[in-house]
PDB file of N, CA and C in Angstrom:
ATOM      1  N   UNK A   1     -12.708  -7.285  11.722  1.00  0.00           N
ATOM      2  CA  UNK A   1     -13.002  -5.980  11.481  1.00  0.00           C
ATOM      3  C   UNK A   1     -11.963  -5.309  10.077  1.00  0.00           C
ATOM      4  N   UNK A   2     -12.512  -4.330   9.337  1.00  0.00           N
ATOM      5  CA  UNK A   2     -11.621  -3.421   8.096  1.00  0.00           C
ATOM      6  C   UNK A   2     -11.883  -2.078   9.013  1.00  0.00           C
ATOM      7  N   UNK A   3     -10.582  -1.508   8.655  1.00  0.00           N
ATOM      8  CA  UNK A   3     -10.210  -0.314   9.445  1.00  0.00           C
ATOM      9  C   UNK A   3      -9.245   0.361   8.803  1.00  0.00           C
ATOM     10  N   UNK A   4      -9.227   1.819   8.651  1.00  0.00           N
ATOM     11  CA  UNK A   4      -7.810   2.319   8.191  1.00  0.00           C
ATOM     12  C   UNK A   4      -6.299   2.053   8.809  1.00  0.00           C
ATOM     13  N   UNK A   5      -5.362   1.953   8.027  1.00  0.00           N
ATOM     14  CA  UNK A   5      -4.643   1.757   9.079  1.00  0.00           C
ATOM     15  C   UNK A   5      -3.503   2.700   9.804  1.00  0.00           C
ATOM     16  N   UNK A   6      -2.728   2.478  10.569  1.00  0.00           N
ATOM     17  CA  UNK A   6      -1.766   3.218  11.271  1.00  0.00           C
ATOM     18  C   UNK A   6      -0.688   2.841  11.803  1.00  0.00           C
ATOM     19  N   UNK A   7       0.265   4.444  11.788  1.00  0.00           N
ATOM     20  CA  UNK A   7       1.482   3.640  11.868  1.00  0.00           C
ATOM     21  C   UNK A   7       1.988   2.655  12.391  1.00  0.00           C
ATOM     22  N   UNK A   8       1.351   2.596  13.882  1.00  0.00           N
ATOM     23  CA  UNK A   8       1.653   1.364  14.659  1.00  0.00           C
ATOM     24  C   UNK A   8       1.291  -0.319  14.150  1.00  0.00           C
ATOM     25  N   UNK A   9       0.795  -0.535  12.475  1.00  0.00           N
ATOM     26  CA  UNK A   9       0.214  -1.311  12.183  1.00  0.00           C
ATOM     27  C   UNK A   9       1.539  -1.922  11.169  1.00  0.00           C
ATOM     28  N   UNK A  10       2.332  -0.777  10.887  1.00  0.00           N
ATOM     29  CA  UNK A  10       3.502  -0.407   9.759  1.00  0.00           C
ATOM     30  C   UNK A  10       3.983  -2.389   9.325  1.00  0.00           C
ATOM     31  N   UNK A  11       4.964  -2.434  10.865  1.00  0.00           N
ATOM     32  CA  UNK A  11       5.850  -3.916  10.762  1.00  0.00           C
ATOM     33  C   UNK A  11       5.001  -4.978  10.861  1.00  0.00           C
ATOM     34  N   UNK A  12       3.600  -5.369  11.209  1.00  0.00           N
ATOM     35  CA  UNK A  12       2.709  -5.942  10.989  1.00  0.00           C
ATOM     36  C   UNK A  12       2.493  -6.211   9.019  1.00  0.00           C
ATOM     37  N   UNK A  13       2.008  -4.900   9.103  1.00  0.00           N
ATOM     38  CA  UNK A  13       1.616  -4.959   7.355  1.00  0.00           C
ATOM     39  C   UNK A  13       2.886  -5.537   6.232  1.00  0.00           C
ATOM     40  N   UNK A  14       4.236  -5.097   6.676  1.00  0.00           N
ATOM     41  CA  UNK A  14       5.383  -5.258   5.864  1.00  0.00           C
ATOM     42  C   UNK A  14       5.401  -7.380   6.325  1.00  0.00           C
ATOM     43  N   UNK A  15       4.910  -7.738   7.633  1.00  0.00           N
ATOM     44  CA  UNK A  15       4.847  -9.515   7.391  1.00  0.00           C
ATOM     45  C   UNK A  15       4.438  -9.859   6.797  1.00  0.00           C
ATOM     46  N   UNK A  16       3.063  -9.193   6.973  1.00  0.00           N
ATOM     47  CA  UNK A  16       1.966  -9.979   5.974  1.00  0.00           C
ATOM     48  C   UNK A  16       2.422  -9.933   4.676  1.00  0.00           C
ATOM     49  N   UNK A  17       2.477  -8.340   3.729  1.00  0.00           N
ATOM     50  CA  UNK A  17       3.060  -8.363   2.699  1.00  0.00           C
ATOM     51  C   UNK A  17       4.320  -9.644   2.221  1.00  0.00           C
ATOM     52  N   UNK A  18       5.028  -9.834   3.017  1.00  0.00           N
ATOM     53  CA  UNK A  18       6.439 -10.616   3.095  1.00  0.00           C
ATOM     54  C   UNK A  18       5.792 -12.049   2.983  1.00  0.00           C
ATOM     55  N   UNK A  19       5.105 -12.265   3.812  1.00  0.00           N
ATOM     56  CA  UNK A  19       4.365 -13.518   3.604  1.00  0.00           C
ATOM     57  C   UNK A  19       3.374 -13.769   1.827  1.00  0.00           C
ATOM     58  N   UNK A  20       2.536 -13.120   1.857  1.00  0.00           N
ATOM     59  CA  UNK A  20       2.237 -12.871   0.728  1.00  0.00           C
ATOM     60  C   UNK A  20       3.013 -12.624  -0.736  1.00  0.00           C
ATOM     61  N   UNK A  21       3.849 -11.952  -0.316  1.00  0.00           N
ATOM     62  CA  UNK A  21       5.342 -12.049  -1.329  1.00  0.00           C
ATOM     63  C   UNK A  21       5.941 -13.472  -1.478  1.00  0.00           C
ATOM     64  N   UNK A  22       5.905 -14.288  -0.745  1.00  0.00           N
ATOM     65  CA  UNK A  22       6.440 -15.515  -0.963  1.00  0.00           C
ATOM     66  C   UNK A  22       5.633 -16.653  -2.001  1.00  0.00           C
ATOM     67  N   UNK A  23       4.319 -16.465  -1.996  1.00  0.00           N
ATOM     68  CA  UNK A  23       3.857 -16.982  -2.693  1.00  0.00           C
ATOM     69  C   UNK A  23       3.274 -16.203  -3.881  1.00  0.00           C
ATOM     70  N   UNK A  24       3.662 -15.273  -4.203  1.00  0.00           N
ATOM     71  CA  UNK A  24       3.471 -14.336  -5.252  1.00  0.00           C
ATOM     72  C   UNK A  24       3.510 -14.910  -7.238  1.00  0.00           C
ATOM     73  N   UNK A  25       4.658 -15.487  -6.935  1.00  0.00           N
ATOM     74  CA  UNK A  25       5.218 -15.857  -8.158  1.00  0.00           C
ATOM     75  C   UNK A  25       5.815 -14.922  -8.557  1.00  0.00           C
ATOM     76  N   UNK A  26       6.391 -14.033  -7.706  1.00  0.00           N
ATOM     77  CA  UNK A  26       7.429 -12.684  -8.131  1.00  0.00           C
ATOM     78  C   UNK A  26       8.307 -13.007  -6.747  1.00  0.00           C
ATOM     79  N   UNK A  27       8.495 -13.968  -6.048  1.00  0.00           N
ATOM     80  CA  UNK A  27       9.249 -14.207  -4.836  1.00  0.00           C
ATOM     81  C   UNK A  27      10.777 -13.754  -4.918  1.00  0.00           C
ATOM     82  N   UNK A  28      11.292 -13.579  -6.286  1.00  0.00           N
ATOM     83  CA  UNK A  28      12.318 -13.546  -6.588  1.00  0.00           C
ATOM     84  C   UNK A  28      13.020 -11.832  -6.866  1.00  0.00           C
ATOM     85  N   UNK A  29      11.452 -11.216  -6.586  1.00  0.00           N
ATOM     86  CA  UNK A  29      12.192  -9.768  -6.498  1.00  0.00           C
ATOM     87  C   UNK A  29      12.315  -9.019  -5.252  1.00  0.00           C
ATOM     88  N   UNK A  30      13.578  -8.693  -4.775  1.00  0.00           N
ATOM     89  CA  UNK A  30      13.832  -8.423  -3.514  1.00  0.00           C
ATOM     90  C   UNK A  30      12.900  -7.180  -3.083  1.00  0.00           C
ATOM     91  N   UNK A  31      12.736  -7.126  -1.739  1.00  0.00           N
ATOM     92  CA  UNK A  31      11.746  -6.150  -0.935  1.00  0.00           C
ATOM     93  C   UNK A  31      12.764  -5.362  -0.172  1.00  0.00           C
ATOM     94  N   UNK A  32      12.708  -4.281  -0.351  1.00  0.00           N
ATOM     95  CA  UNK A  32      13.992  -3.299   0.448  1.00  0.00           C
ATOM     96  C   UNK A  32      12.440  -2.809   1.714  1.00  0.00           C
ATOM     97  N   UNK A  33      13.053  -2.936   3.053  1.00  0.00           N
ATOM     98  CA  UNK A  33      12.095  -2.750   4.330  1.00  0.00           C
ATOM     99  C   UNK A  33      12.074  -1.530   4.363  1.00  0.00           C
ATOM    100  N   UNK A  34      13.051  -0.623   4.496  1.00  0.00           N
ATOM    101  CA  UNK A  34      13.301   0.719   4.250  1.00  0.00           C
ATOM    102  C   UNK A  34      12.514   1.808   3.512  1.00  0.00           C
ATOM    103  N   UNK A  35      12.555   1.220   2.188  1.00  0.00           N
ATOM    104  CA  UNK A  35      11.539   2.012   1.600  1.00  0.00           C
ATOM    105  C   UNK A  35       9.738   1.351   1.469  1.00  0.00           C
ATOM    106  N   UNK A  36      10.238   0.157   1.816  1.00  0.00           N
ATOM    107  CA  UNK A  36       8.642  -0.316   1.873  1.00  0.00           C
ATOM    108  C   UNK A  36       7.761   0.428   2.818  1.00  0.00           C
ATOM    109  N   UNK A  37       8.825   0.939   4.628  1.00  0.00           N
ATOM    110  CA  UNK A  37       8.367   1.098   5.673  1.00  0.00           C
ATOM    111  C   UNK A  37       7.951   2.915   5.231  1.00  0.00           C
ATOM    112  N   UNK A  38       8.541   3.469   4.237  1.00  0.00           N
ATOM    113  CA  UNK A  38       8.844   4.930   3.906  1.00  0.00           C
ATOM    114  C   UNK A  38       7.116   4.801   2.907  1.00  0.00           C
ATOM    115  N   UNK A  39       6.634   4.068   2.016  1.00  0.00           N
ATOM    116  CA  UNK A  39       5.781   3.957   1.326  1.00  0.00           C
ATOM    117  C   UNK A  39       4.301   3.790   1.963  1.00  0.00           C
ATOM    118  N   UNK A  40       4.765   2.603   3.231  1.00  0.00           N
ATOM    119  CA  UNK A  40       3.347   2.518   3.403  1.00  0.00           C
ATOM    120  C   UNK A  40       3.007   3.838   4.417  1.00  0.00           C
ATOM    121  N   UNK A  41       3.874   4.376   5.225  1.00  0.00           N
ATOM    122  CA  UNK A  41       3.922   5.370   6.160  1.00  0.00           C
ATOM    123  C   UNK A  41       3.134   6.668   4.798  1.00  0.00           C
ATOM    124  N   UNK A  42       3.264   6.501   3.904  1.00  0.00           N
ATOM    125  CA  UNK A  42       2.953   7.594   2.694  1.00  0.00           C
ATOM    126  C   UNK A  42       1.369   7.436   2.502  1.00  0.00           C
ATOM    127  N   UNK A  43       1.091   6.240   2.813  1.00  0.00           N
ATOM    128  CA  UNK A  43      -0.303   6.083   2.575  1.00  0.00           C
ATOM    129  C   UNK A  43      -1.334   6.117   3.472  1.00  0.00           C
ATOM    130  N   UNK A  44      -0.198   6.195   4.390  1.00  0.00           N
ATOM    131  CA  UNK A  44      -1.103   6.531   5.820  1.00  0.00           C
ATOM    132  C   UNK A  44      -1.447   7.795   6.327  1.00  0.00           C
ATOM    133  N   UNK A  45      -0.303   8.952   5.827  1.00  0.00           N
ATOM    134  CA  UNK A  45      -0.517   9.975   5.954  1.00  0.00           C
ATOM    135  C   UNK A  45      -1.020  11.305   4.919  1.00  0.00           C
ATOM    136  N   UNK A  46      -0.525  10.855   3.673  1.00  0.00           N
ATOM    137  CA  UNK A  46      -1.037  11.843   2.846  1.00  0.00           C
ATOM    138  C   UNK A  46      -2.533  11.625   2.293  1.00  0.00           C
ATOM    139  N   UNK A  47      -3.398  12.256   2.040  1.00  0.00           N
ATOM    140  CA  UNK A  47      -4.775  12.608   2.413  1.00  0.00           C
ATOM    141  C   UNK A  47      -5.231  11.939   0.848  1.00  0.00           C
ATOM    142  N   UNK A  48      -4.294  11.805  -0.232  1.00  0.00           N
ATOM    143  CA  UNK A  48      -4.480  11.366  -1.283  1.00  0.00           C
ATOM    144  C   UNK A  48      -4.470   9.774  -1.477  1.00  0.00           C
ATOM    145  N   UNK A  49      -4.289   8.921  -0.498  1.00  0.00           N
ATOM    146  CA  UNK A  49      -3.542   8.032  -0.615  1.00  0.00           C
ATOM    147  C   UNK A  49      -4.627   6.957   0.726  1.00  0.00           C
ATOM    148  N   UNK A  50      -4.763   6.038   0.671  1.00  0.00           N
ATOM    149  CA  UNK A  50      -5.505   5.164   1.579  1.00  0.00           C
ATOM    150  C   UNK A  50      -4.625   3.835   1.722  1.00  0.00           C
ATOM    151  N   UNK A  51      -4.667   3.182   3.068  1.00  0.00           N
ATOM    152  CA  UNK A  51      -4.390   2.174   3.671  1.00  0.00           C
ATOM    153  C   UNK A  51      -5.391   1.512   4.367  1.00  0.00           C
ATOM    154  N   UNK A  52      -5.864   0.483   3.982  1.00  0.00           N
ATOM    155  CA  UNK A  52      -6.921  -0.471   5.064  1.00  0.00           C
ATOM    156  C   UNK A  52      -6.303  -1.691   4.957  1.00  0.00           C
ATOM    157  N   UNK A  53      -6.858  -2.486   6.385  1.00  0.00           N
ATOM    158  CA  UNK A  53      -6.024  -3.411   6.885  1.00  0.00           C
ATOM    159  C   UNK A  53      -7.249  -4.217   6.835  1.00  0.00           C
ATOM    160  N   UNK A  54      -7.138  -5.671   7.420  1.00  0.00           N
ATOM    161  CA  UNK A  54      -8.027  -5.960   7.610  1.00  0.00           C
ATOM    162  C   UNK A  54      -7.627  -7.125   9.041  1.00  0.00           C
ATOM    163  N   UNK A  55      -8.375  -7.297  10.016  1.00  0.00           N
ATOM    164  CA  UNK A  55      -7.868  -7.562  11.230  1.00  0.00           C
ATOM    165  C   UNK A  55      -9.110  -8.694  11.940  1.00  0.00           C
ATOM    166  N   UNK A  56      -8.367  -9.905  12.475  1.00  0.00           N
ATOM    167  CA  UNK A  56      -9.174 -10.981  12.956  1.00  0.00           C
ATOM    168  C   UNK A  56      -8.643 -11.000  13.863  1.00  0.00           C
ATOM    169  N   UNK A  57      -9.088 -11.436  15.234  1.00  0.00           N
ATOM    170  CA  UNK A  57      -8.275 -11.590  16.825  1.00  0.00           C
ATOM    171  C   UNK A  57      -6.952 -11.153  16.603  1.00  0.00           C
ATOM    172  N   UNK A  58      -7.392  -9.544  16.351  1.00  0.00           N
ATOM    173  CA  UNK A  58      -6.067  -8.621  16.791  1.00  0.00           C
ATOM    174  C   UNK A  58      -5.543  -8.786  15.800  1.00  0.00           C
ATOM    175  N   UNK A  59      -4.979  -9.313  14.850  1.00  0.00           N
ATOM    176  CA  UNK A  59      -3.717  -9.466  13.974  1.00  0.00           C
ATOM    177  C   UNK A  59      -4.162  -9.332  12.695  1.00  0.00           C
ATOM    178  N   UNK A  60      -3.274  -8.966  11.665  1.00  0.00           N
ATOM    179  CA  UNK A  60      -3.517  -8.116  10.433  1.00  0.00           C
ATOM    180  C   UNK A  60      -3.778  -8.901   9.628  1.00  0.00           C
ATOM    181  N   UNK A  61      -4.440 -10.087   9.201  1.00  0.00           N
ATOM    182  CA  UNK A  61      -4.992 -10.668   8.060  1.00  0.00           C
ATOM    183  C   UNK A  61      -4.418 -10.298   6.292  1.00  0.00           C
ATOM    184  N   UNK A  62      -4.861  -8.963   5.932  1.00  0.00           N
ATOM    185  CA  UNK A  62      -4.695  -8.877   4.837  1.00  0.00           C
ATOM    186  C   UNK A  62      -4.494  -7.036   4.673  1.00  0.00           C
ATOM    187  N   UNK A  63      -4.571  -6.319   3.604  1.00  0.00           N
ATOM    188  CA  UNK A  63      -4.677  -4.929   3.789  1.00  0.00           C
ATOM    189  C   UNK A  63      -4.689  -4.316   1.809  1.00  0.00           C
ATOM    190  N   UNK A  64      -5.214  -3.596   1.714  1.00  0.00           N
ATOM    191  CA  UNK A  64      -5.332  -3.231   0.504  1.00  0.00           C
ATOM    192  C   UNK A  64      -4.866  -1.509   0.488  1.00  0.00           C
ATOM    193  N   UNK A  65      -4.019  -1.205  -0.899  1.00  0.00           N
ATOM    194  CA  UNK A  65      -3.730   0.287  -0.405  1.00  0.00           C
ATOM    195  C   UNK A  65      -4.133   0.863  -1.993  1.00  0.00           C
ATOM    196  N   UNK A  66      -4.520   2.402  -2.109  1.00  0.00           N
ATOM    197  CA  UNK A  66      -5.646   2.790  -3.072  1.00  0.00           C
ATOM    198  C   UNK A  66      -5.023   4.170  -2.982  1.00  0.00           C
ATOM    199  N   UNK A  67      -5.118   5.168  -4.627  1.00  0.00           N
ATOM    200  CA  UNK A  67      -4.101   6.489  -4.702  1.00  0.00           C
ATOM    201  C   UNK A  67      -4.495   6.802  -5.855  1.00  0.00           C
ATOM    202  N   UNK A  68      -4.660   8.330  -5.787  1.00  0.00           N
ATOM    203  CA  UNK A  68      -5.520   8.944  -7.081  1.00  0.00           C
ATOM    204  C   UNK A  68      -3.854   9.305  -7.504  1.00  0.00           C
ATOM    205  N   UNK A  69      -3.185   9.121  -8.462  1.00  0.00           N
ATOM    206  CA  UNK A  69      -2.050   9.486  -8.810  1.00  0.00           C
ATOM    207  C   UNK A  69      -2.292   9.759 -10.528  1.00  0.00           C
ATOM    208  N   UNK A  70      -1.659  10.873 -10.494  1.00  0.00           N
ATOM    209  CA  UNK A  70      -1.265  11.718 -11.999  1.00  0.00           C
ATOM    210  C   UNK A  70      -0.706  10.306 -13.129  1.00  0.00           C
ATOM    211  N   UNK A  71      -1.083  10.718 -14.068  1.00  0.00           N
ATOM    212  CA  UNK A  71      -0.628   9.682 -15.180  1.00  0.00           C
ATOM    213  C   UNK A  71       0.596  10.696 -15.453  1.00  0.00           C
ATOM    214  N   UNK A  72       1.792   9.513 -15.488  1.00  0.00           N
ATOM    215  CA  UNK A  72       3.453  10.330 -15.799  1.00  0.00           C
ATOM    216  C   UNK A  72       2.949  11.010 -17.280  1.00  0.00           C
ATOM    217  N   UNK A  73       2.026  10.686 -18.348  1.00  0.00           N
ATOM    218  CA  UNK A  73       1.947  11.160 -19.286  1.00  0.00           C
ATOM    219  C   UNK A  73       0.682  12.530 -19.566  1.00  0.00           C
ATOM    220  N   UNK A  74       0.422  12.831 -18.630  1.00  0.00           N
ATOM    221  CA  UNK A  74      -0.751  13.753 -18.451  1.00  0.00           C
ATOM    222  C   UNK A  74      -0.916  14.810 -19.179  1.00  0.00           C
ATOM    223  N   UNK A  75      -1.953  15.148 -20.120  1.00  0.00           N
ATOM    224  CA  UNK A  75      -2.163  15.779 -21.324  1.00  0.00           C
ATOM    225  C   UNK A  75      -2.541  17.300 -20.627  1.00  0.00           C
ATOM    226  N   UNK A  76      -1.726  18.426 -20.944  1.00  0.00           N
ATOM    227  CA  UNK A  76      -2.062  19.365 -20.553  1.00  0.00           C
ATOM    228  C   UNK A  76      -3.542  19.977 -21.266  1.00  0.00           C
ATOM    229  N   UNK A  77      -3.771  19.751 -22.812  1.00  0.00           N
ATOM    230  CA  UNK A  77      -5.069  20.234 -23.472  1.00  0.00           C
ATOM    231  C   UNK A  77      -6.401  19.187 -22.423  1.00  0.00           C
ATOM    232  N   UNK A  78      -6.220  18.494 -22.011  1.00  0.00           N
ATOM    233  CA  UNK A  78      -7.739  17.387 -20.958  1.00  0.00           C
ATOM    234  C   UNK A  78      -7.723  17.401 -20.052  1.00  0.00           C
ATOM    235  N   UNK A  79      -6.132  18.022 -19.297  1.00  0.00           N
ATOM    236  CA  UNK A  79      -6.103  18.522 -17.708  1.00  0.00           C
ATOM    237  C   UNK A  79      -5.652  16.925 -17.075  1.00  0.00           C
ATOM    238  N   UNK A  80      -5.463  16.951 -16.044  1.00  0.00           N
ATOM    239  CA  UNK A  80      -4.704  15.876 -14.783  1.00  0.00           C
ATOM    240  C   UNK A  80      -5.908  14.331 -15.487  1.00  0.00           C
ATOM    241  N   UNK A  81      -5.099  13.625 -15.391  1.00  0.00           N
ATOM    242  CA  UNK A  81      -5.567  12.312 -15.269  1.00  0.00           C
ATOM    243  C   UNK A  81      -5.388  11.270 -14.297  1.00  0.00           C
ATOM    244  N   UNK A  82      -6.198  10.616 -13.642  1.00  0.00           N
ATOM    245  CA  UNK A  82      -5.451  10.251 -12.557  1.00  0.00           C
ATOM    246  C   UNK A  82      -5.950   8.859 -12.641  1.00  0.00           C
ATOM    247  N   UNK A  83      -5.062   7.890 -11.946  1.00  0.00           N
ATOM    248  CA  UNK A  83      -5.420   6.685 -12.418  1.00  0.00           C
ATOM    249  C   UNK A  83      -4.589   5.877 -10.250  1.00  0.00           C
ATOM    250  N   UNK A  84      -5.504   4.954  -9.859  1.00  0.00           N
ATOM    251  CA  UNK A  84      -5.320   4.045  -9.286  1.00  0.00           C
ATOM    252  C   UNK A  84      -4.648   2.767  -9.250  1.00  0.00           C
ATOM    253  N   UNK A  85      -3.676   2.190  -8.710  1.00  0.00           N
ATOM    254  CA  UNK A  85      -2.909   1.339  -9.250  1.00  0.00           C
ATOM    255  C   UNK A  85      -1.933   0.357  -8.089  1.00  0.00           C
ATOM    256  N   UNK A  86      -2.692   0.118  -7.580  1.00  0.00           N
ATOM    257  CA  UNK A  86      -1.841  -0.643  -6.268  1.00  0.00           C
ATOM    258  C   UNK A  86      -2.497  -1.998  -5.713  1.00  0.00           C
ATOM    259  N   UNK A  87      -2.319  -2.704  -4.923  1.00  0.00           N
ATOM    260  CA  UNK A  87      -2.567  -3.933  -4.547  1.00  0.00           C
ATOM    261  C   UNK A  87      -4.025  -3.838  -3.127  1.00  0.00           C
TER     262      UNK A  87
END
């Protein structure tokens, strides 16, 4: 099943992310769990962000994050430009 994440999923998502991170080729990049928790919570609670989980047998198997964020170099003449850049 694919569904929107809820706060009670965060610990499972962090664990899933940790396992994926070990195989990513970036395993030497440290993970700071309190910041990851806050980030994931923001993807659940902020309307311009989205966190979806894939679940089988009531176990989270994967997730995807998406958001509409302004480019840091927003051009005042052309208006805000948005980007989605998550995994």
